[in-house]
Amino acid sequence: MLSFVDPDKPTAAINVTFITQTSVTVSWSTGKTQVVNVTIVHHREKSTPTGAWTPTPATTGTSQMVTSLQPGTEYEFHVEINSFGKTSKSENIDATTGMINYHLTFLELCFSYKFYYLSTSTSWCLGDWLK
């Protein structure tokens, strides 16, 4: 027998996975007996809790990638849920995007010149112009 979610308060459990520097994947689970539809994934920077939520339309399925995020930034996410003409939102979940690896960028820059010195506390390189 199939049971249904309370039409006055549809719910979903959400999770954030596949975190990169500029994107995350938000996935949700509504339970096997709930008849709900997730239509939008919302996000905003955690540092601006009164700021506007940015919507990302959810495609079919149980997850949606959210892109164009800033590296090393903490965000809040929730999904908008529809069931029998009623709309609600999930609980918020936090996630922080990955940082840009500045040491890797520095090494790439140094390899285009002559590399002379790199340690855990100090990093620098000298070009051919210092010969």
N, C-alpha and C. Protein backbone atom coordinates (compact mmCIF):
# COMPACT_ATOMS: atom_id res chain seq x y z
N MET A 1 0.84 -1.17 0.00
CA MET A 1 0.00 0.00 0.00
C MET A 1 0.89 1.24 0.00
N LEU A 2 0.50 2.24 -0.75
CA LEU A 2 1.26 3.47 -0.89
C LEU A 2 0.71 4.53 0.05
N SER A 3 1.60 5.17 0.82
CA SER A 3 1.17 6.28 1.67
C SER A 3 1.78 7.55 1.12
N PHE A 4 1.26 8.68 1.50
CA PHE A 4 1.67 9.96 0.93
C PHE A 4 2.17 10.89 2.02
N VAL A 5 2.99 11.84 1.60
CA VAL A 5 3.49 12.86 2.50
C VAL A 5 2.35 13.80 2.87
N ASP A 6 2.47 14.40 4.04
CA ASP A 6 1.49 15.40 4.46
C ASP A 6 1.47 16.52 3.42
N PRO A 7 0.37 16.78 2.75
CA PRO A 7 0.34 17.79 1.69
C PRO A 7 0.57 19.21 2.20
N ASP A 8 0.43 19.43 3.50
CA ASP A 8 0.68 20.76 4.03
C ASP A 8 2.16 21.01 4.29
N LYS A 9 2.99 19.96 4.34
CA LYS A 9 4.41 20.13 4.61
C LYS A 9 5.22 19.01 3.94
N PRO A 10 5.35 19.06 2.61
CA PRO A 10 6.20 18.06 1.96
C PRO A 10 7.65 18.24 2.39
N THR A 11 8.40 17.14 2.51
CA THR A 11 9.77 17.21 2.99
C THR A 11 10.71 16.39 2.09
N ALA A 12 12.01 16.67 2.24
CA ALA A 12 13.05 15.90 1.56
C ALA A 12 14.33 16.02 2.36
N ALA A 13 15.10 14.97 2.37
CA ALA A 13 16.43 15.00 2.98
C ALA A 13 17.42 15.32 1.87
N ILE A 14 18.34 16.28 2.12
CA ILE A 14 19.29 16.66 1.07
C ILE A 14 20.72 16.41 1.51
N ASN A 15 21.59 16.31 0.53
CA ASN A 15 23.00 16.06 0.76
C ASN A 15 23.79 16.81 -0.31
N VAL A 16 25.01 17.22 0.01
CA VAL A 16 25.87 17.89 -0.95
C VAL A 16 27.09 17.00 -1.19
N THR A 17 27.36 16.71 -2.47
CA THR A 17 28.47 15.86 -2.85
C THR A 17 29.19 16.47 -4.04
N PHE A 18 30.26 15.84 -4.47
CA PHE A 18 31.02 16.26 -5.65
C PHE A 18 31.33 17.75 -5.60
N ILE A 19 32.02 18.16 -4.56
CA ILE A 19 32.37 19.56 -4.35
C ILE A 19 33.64 19.89 -5.12
N THR A 20 33.59 20.93 -5.95
CA THR A 20 34.78 21.41 -6.65
C THR A 20 35.01 22.86 -6.23
N GLN A 21 35.89 23.56 -6.93
CA GLN A 21 36.15 24.96 -6.61
C GLN A 21 34.97 25.84 -6.96
N THR A 22 34.19 25.47 -7.98
CA THR A 22 33.12 26.35 -8.46
C THR A 22 31.77 25.67 -8.59
N SER A 23 31.64 24.43 -8.10
CA SER A 23 30.35 23.75 -8.21
C SER A 23 30.17 22.71 -7.11
N VAL A 24 28.93 22.36 -6.86
CA VAL A 24 28.58 21.25 -5.97
C VAL A 24 27.39 20.52 -6.59
N THR A 25 27.19 19.29 -6.18
CA THR A 25 26.00 18.56 -6.58
C THR A 25 25.13 18.38 -5.36
N VAL A 26 23.90 18.85 -5.45
CA VAL A 26 22.92 18.70 -4.37
C VAL A 26 22.02 17.52 -4.74
N SER A 27 21.90 16.55 -3.85
CA SER A 27 21.02 15.42 -4.08
C SER A 27 19.98 15.36 -2.98
N TRP A 28 18.88 14.69 -3.25
CA TRP A 28 17.79 14.64 -2.29
C TRP A 28 17.13 13.28 -2.30
N SER A 29 16.50 12.99 -1.18
CA SER A 29 15.75 11.74 -1.02
C SER A 29 14.43 12.09 -0.37
N THR A 30 13.35 11.61 -0.96
CA THR A 30 12.02 11.91 -0.42
C THR A 30 11.37 10.68 0.19
N GLY A 31 12.05 9.57 0.20
CA GLY A 31 11.47 8.35 0.74
C GLY A 31 10.65 7.64 -0.32
N LYS A 32 10.54 6.35 -0.20
CA LYS A 32 9.85 5.55 -1.22
C LYS A 32 8.34 5.76 -1.24
N THR A 33 7.78 6.22 -0.15
CA THR A 33 6.32 6.33 -0.10
C THR A 33 5.82 7.76 -0.31
N GLN A 34 6.73 8.71 -0.47
CA GLN A 34 6.31 10.09 -0.65
C GLN A 34 6.16 10.42 -2.14
N VAL A 35 5.13 11.15 -2.46
CA VAL A 35 4.92 11.62 -3.83
C VAL A 35 5.21 13.11 -3.83
N VAL A 36 6.44 13.46 -4.17
CA VAL A 36 6.85 14.86 -4.18
C VAL A 36 7.67 15.13 -5.43
N ASN A 37 7.85 16.39 -5.73
CA ASN A 37 8.62 16.81 -6.88
C ASN A 37 9.54 17.95 -6.44
N VAL A 38 10.84 17.77 -6.58
CA VAL A 38 11.79 18.84 -6.28
C VAL A 38 11.94 19.66 -7.56
N THR A 39 11.66 20.96 -7.47
CA THR A 39 11.65 21.80 -8.67
C THR A 39 12.82 22.77 -8.75
N ILE A 40 13.34 23.21 -7.61
CA ILE A 40 14.39 24.23 -7.60
C ILE A 40 15.37 23.95 -6.47
N VAL A 41 16.66 24.15 -6.76
CA VAL A 41 17.70 24.12 -5.72
C VAL A 41 18.10 25.57 -5.49
N HIS A 42 18.06 26.03 -4.25
CA HIS A 42 18.42 27.41 -3.91
C HIS A 42 19.77 27.42 -3.18
N HIS A 43 20.55 28.48 -3.41
CA HIS A 43 21.79 28.64 -2.65
C HIS A 43 22.07 30.12 -2.40
N ARG A 44 22.84 30.37 -1.35
CA ARG A 44 23.35 31.72 -1.06
C ARG A 44 24.59 31.57 -0.21
N GLU A 45 25.41 32.63 -0.21
CA GLU A 45 26.61 32.60 0.61
C GLU A 45 26.23 32.61 2.08
N LYS A 46 26.88 31.79 2.85
CA LYS A 46 26.60 31.69 4.28
C LYS A 46 26.93 33.00 5.00
N SER A 47 27.89 33.76 4.48
CA SER A 47 28.29 35.01 5.12
C SER A 47 27.23 36.11 4.97
N THR A 48 26.24 35.90 4.11
CA THR A 48 25.15 36.87 3.93
C THR A 48 23.82 36.18 4.20
N PRO A 49 23.53 35.86 5.47
CA PRO A 49 22.32 35.08 5.78
C PRO A 49 21.01 35.80 5.47
N THR A 50 21.06 37.09 5.26
CA THR A 50 19.83 37.80 4.89
C THR A 50 19.80 38.09 3.40
N GLY A 51 20.81 37.59 2.67
CA GLY A 51 20.88 37.81 1.23
C GLY A 51 19.86 36.99 0.47
N ALA A 52 19.70 37.33 -0.79
CA ALA A 52 18.73 36.64 -1.64
C ALA A 52 19.23 35.24 -1.99
N TRP A 53 18.31 34.30 -2.11
CA TRP A 53 18.61 32.95 -2.55
C TRP A 53 18.69 32.93 -4.07
N THR A 54 19.68 32.25 -4.62
CA THR A 54 19.83 32.11 -6.06
C THR A 54 19.23 30.77 -6.47
N PRO A 55 18.27 30.77 -7.41
CA PRO A 55 17.64 29.50 -7.80
C PRO A 55 18.39 28.81 -8.94
N THR A 56 18.40 27.49 -8.90
CA THR A 56 18.86 26.66 -10.01
C THR A 56 17.74 25.66 -10.28
N PRO A 57 17.10 25.73 -11.46
CA PRO A 57 16.02 24.78 -11.75
C PRO A 57 16.52 23.34 -11.67
N ALA A 58 15.75 22.49 -11.01
CA ALA A 58 16.12 21.08 -10.88
C ALA A 58 15.63 20.32 -12.11
N THR A 59 16.51 19.50 -12.65
CA THR A 59 16.11 18.63 -13.75
C THR A 59 15.49 17.38 -13.16
N THR A 60 15.05 16.49 -13.99
CA THR A 60 14.46 15.25 -13.48
C THR A 60 15.53 14.43 -12.78
N GLY A 61 15.13 13.65 -11.84
CA GLY A 61 16.06 12.82 -11.09
C GLY A 61 16.11 13.21 -9.63
N THR A 62 17.21 12.85 -8.99
CA THR A 62 17.35 13.10 -7.55
C THR A 62 18.59 13.91 -7.22
N SER A 63 19.14 14.63 -8.21
CA SER A 63 20.28 15.50 -7.92
C SER A 63 20.37 16.59 -8.97
N GLN A 64 21.08 17.67 -8.60
CA GLN A 64 21.28 18.79 -9.51
C GLN A 64 22.62 19.43 -9.22
N MET A 65 23.42 19.68 -10.26
CA MET A 65 24.68 20.38 -10.09
C MET A 65 24.41 21.88 -10.04
N VAL A 66 25.02 22.55 -9.06
CA VAL A 66 24.94 24.01 -8.94
C VAL A 66 26.30 24.55 -9.31
N THR A 67 26.35 25.42 -10.32
CA THR A 67 27.62 25.91 -10.84
C THR A 67 27.78 27.42 -10.60
N SER A 68 28.88 27.95 -11.07
CA SER A 68 29.20 29.39 -10.97
C SER A 68 29.35 29.85 -9.53
N LEU A 69 29.87 28.99 -8.66
CA LEU A 69 30.13 29.35 -7.27
C LEU A 69 31.55 29.89 -7.14
N GLN A 70 31.83 30.59 -6.05
CA GLN A 70 33.15 31.16 -5.79
C GLN A 70 34.01 30.15 -5.03
N PRO A 71 35.30 30.03 -5.38
CA PRO A 71 36.19 29.10 -4.66
C PRO A 71 36.35 29.48 -3.19
N GLY A 72 36.44 28.46 -2.33
CA GLY A 72 36.70 28.68 -0.92
C GLY A 72 35.60 29.44 -0.20
N THR A 73 34.36 29.30 -0.64
CA THR A 73 33.24 30.05 -0.06
C THR A 73 32.22 29.09 0.53
N GLU A 74 31.74 29.41 1.73
CA GLU A 74 30.72 28.59 2.37
C GLU A 74 29.34 29.02 1.89
N TYR A 75 28.54 28.04 1.48
CA TYR A 75 27.19 28.29 0.98
C TYR A 75 26.16 27.52 1.78
N GLU A 76 24.92 28.01 1.75
CA GLU A 76 23.77 27.29 2.27
C GLU A 76 22.95 26.82 1.08
N PHE A 77 22.36 25.63 1.19
CA PHE A 77 21.53 25.08 0.12
C PHE A 77 20.23 24.55 0.71
N HIS A 78 19.17 24.63 -0.06
CA HIS A 78 17.94 23.91 0.23
C HIS A 78 17.20 23.67 -1.09
N VAL A 79 16.27 22.73 -1.07
CA VAL A 79 15.48 22.45 -2.27
C VAL A 79 14.03 22.84 -2.03
N GLU A 80 13.38 23.25 -3.11
CA GLU A 80 11.95 23.56 -3.07
C GLU A 80 11.18 22.31 -3.47
N ILE A 81 10.18 21.97 -2.67
CA ILE A 81 9.46 20.72 -2.83
C ILE A 81 8.00 21.01 -3.11
N ASN A 82 7.43 20.32 -4.08
CA ASN A 82 6.00 20.44 -4.40
C ASN A 82 5.34 19.09 -4.22
N SER A 83 4.17 19.09 -3.61
CA SER A 83 3.39 17.88 -3.45
C SER A 83 1.92 18.25 -3.37
N PHE A 84 1.14 17.74 -4.29
CA PHE A 84 -0.31 17.98 -4.31
C PHE A 84 -0.64 19.46 -4.25
N GLY A 85 0.10 20.28 -4.99
CA GLY A 85 -0.17 21.71 -5.06
C GLY A 85 0.37 22.52 -3.89
N LYS A 86 0.99 21.89 -2.94
CA LYS A 86 1.60 22.57 -1.79
C LYS A 86 3.10 22.66 -2.01
N THR A 87 3.70 23.77 -1.57
CA THR A 87 5.13 23.98 -1.73
C THR A 87 5.77 24.22 -0.36
N SER A 88 6.92 23.64 -0.15
CA SER A 88 7.70 23.90 1.06
C SER A 88 9.17 23.79 0.66
N LYS A 89 10.04 23.90 1.65
CA LYS A 89 11.47 23.77 1.38
C LYS A 89 12.07 22.81 2.38
N SER A 90 13.19 22.22 1.97
CA SER A 90 13.91 21.31 2.86
C SER A 90 14.65 22.13 3.91
N GLU A 91 15.24 21.43 4.85
CA GLU A 91 16.15 22.08 5.79
C GLU A 91 17.36 22.57 5.01
N ASN A 92 18.04 23.59 5.51
CA ASN A 92 19.27 24.07 4.88
C ASN A 92 20.42 23.13 5.20
N ILE A 93 21.35 23.04 4.26
CA ILE A 93 22.59 22.29 4.46
C ILE A 93 23.73 23.18 4.00
N ASP A 94 24.85 23.13 4.69
CA ASP A 94 26.00 23.97 4.37
C ASP A 94 27.07 23.16 3.64
N ALA A 95 27.79 23.83 2.77
CA ALA A 95 28.94 23.23 2.09
C ALA A 95 29.89 24.34 1.67
N THR A 96 31.18 24.04 1.69
CA THR A 96 32.21 25.00 1.30
C THR A 96 32.89 24.50 0.03
N THR A 97 32.97 25.38 -0.96
CA THR A 97 33.65 25.01 -2.20
C THR A 97 35.14 24.89 -1.96
N GLY A 98 35.83 24.19 -2.85
CA GLY A 98 37.27 23.97 -2.72
C GLY A 98 38.06 25.24 -2.96
N MET A 99 39.27 25.27 -2.40
CA MET A 99 40.18 26.40 -2.58
C MET A 99 41.00 26.21 -3.83
N ILE A 100 41.39 27.31 -4.44
CA ILE A 100 42.35 27.25 -5.54
C ILE A 100 43.70 26.91 -4.94
N ASN A 101 44.41 26.02 -5.55
CA ASN A 101 45.72 25.63 -5.05
C ASN A 101 46.76 26.63 -5.55
N TYR A 102 47.03 27.65 -4.75
CA TYR A 102 47.95 28.70 -5.15
C TYR A 102 49.38 28.19 -5.31
N HIS A 103 49.79 27.19 -4.50
CA HIS A 103 51.13 26.65 -4.63
C HIS A 103 51.31 25.98 -5.99
N LEU A 104 50.29 25.28 -6.46
CA LEU A 104 50.36 24.64 -7.76
C LEU A 104 50.45 25.69 -8.86
N THR A 105 49.66 26.75 -8.75
CA THR A 105 49.73 27.83 -9.72
C THR A 105 51.11 28.46 -9.71
N PHE A 106 51.68 28.64 -8.52
CA PHE A 106 53.00 29.22 -8.39
C PHE A 106 54.05 28.32 -9.06
N LEU A 107 53.95 27.02 -8.84
CA LEU A 107 54.91 26.11 -9.45
C LEU A 107 54.81 26.13 -10.97
N GLU A 108 53.59 26.19 -11.50
CA GLU A 108 53.43 26.27 -12.95
C GLU A 108 54.10 27.52 -13.49
N LEU A 109 53.96 28.63 -12.78
CA LEU A 109 54.58 29.87 -13.19
C LEU A 109 56.11 29.75 -13.13
N CYS A 110 56.62 29.15 -12.07
CA CYS A 110 58.06 29.02 -11.91
C CYS A 110 58.67 28.11 -12.96
N PHE A 111 57.98 27.08 -13.38
CA PHE A 111 58.54 26.17 -14.37
C PHE A 111 58.71 26.83 -15.72
N SER A 112 58.07 27.96 -15.94
CA SER A 112 58.29 28.66 -17.19
C SER A 112 59.60 29.46 -17.12
N TYR A 113 60.19 29.57 -15.95
CA TYR A 113 61.50 30.21 -15.74
C TYR A 113 62.44 29.15 -15.19
N LYS A 114 63.56 29.57 -14.65
CA LYS A 114 64.42 28.63 -13.95
C LYS A 114 63.97 28.57 -12.50
N PHE A 115 63.79 27.38 -12.00
CA PHE A 115 63.32 27.18 -10.64
C PHE A 115 64.53 27.06 -9.72
N TYR A 116 64.59 27.90 -8.67
CA TYR A 116 65.74 27.89 -7.79
C TYR A 116 65.44 27.45 -6.36
N TYR A 117 64.27 27.78 -5.82
CA TYR A 117 64.06 27.54 -4.40
C TYR A 117 62.58 27.36 -4.10
N LEU A 118 62.27 26.35 -3.29
CA LEU A 118 60.90 26.14 -2.81
C LEU A 118 60.99 25.40 -1.49
N SER A 119 60.37 25.94 -0.46
CA SER A 119 60.29 25.25 0.82
C SER A 119 58.87 25.41 1.34
N THR A 120 58.57 24.76 2.46
CA THR A 120 57.22 24.85 3.00
C THR A 120 56.92 26.22 3.59
N SER A 121 57.95 26.97 3.97
CA SER A 121 57.70 28.28 4.57
C SER A 121 57.91 29.43 3.60
N THR A 122 58.75 29.25 2.59
CA THR A 122 59.04 30.33 1.65
C THR A 122 59.08 29.77 0.24
N SER A 123 58.49 30.47 -0.68
CA SER A 123 58.51 30.05 -2.07
C SER A 123 58.88 31.23 -2.95
N TRP A 124 59.81 31.04 -3.88
CA TRP A 124 60.13 32.09 -4.82
C TRP A 124 60.86 31.48 -6.01
N CYS A 125 60.93 32.18 -7.08
CA CYS A 125 61.66 31.71 -8.24
C CYS A 125 62.34 32.90 -8.90
N LEU A 126 63.40 32.59 -9.62
CA LEU A 126 64.17 33.61 -10.32
C LEU A 126 64.18 33.27 -11.81
N GLY A 127 64.08 34.27 -12.62
CA GLY A 127 64.10 34.03 -14.06
C GLY A 127 65.51 34.11 -14.62
N ASP A 128 65.63 33.86 -15.90
CA ASP A 128 66.93 33.89 -16.58
C ASP A 128 67.57 35.29 -16.51
N TRP A 129 66.77 36.31 -16.29
CA TRP A 129 67.28 37.68 -16.27
C TRP A 129 68.20 37.95 -15.09
N LEU A 130 68.28 37.06 -14.10
CA LEU A 130 69.15 37.27 -12.94
C LEU A 130 70.51 36.62 -13.11
N LYS A 131 70.83 36.05 -14.25
CA LYS A 131 72.15 35.40 -14.46
C LYS A 131 73.28 36.37 -14.35
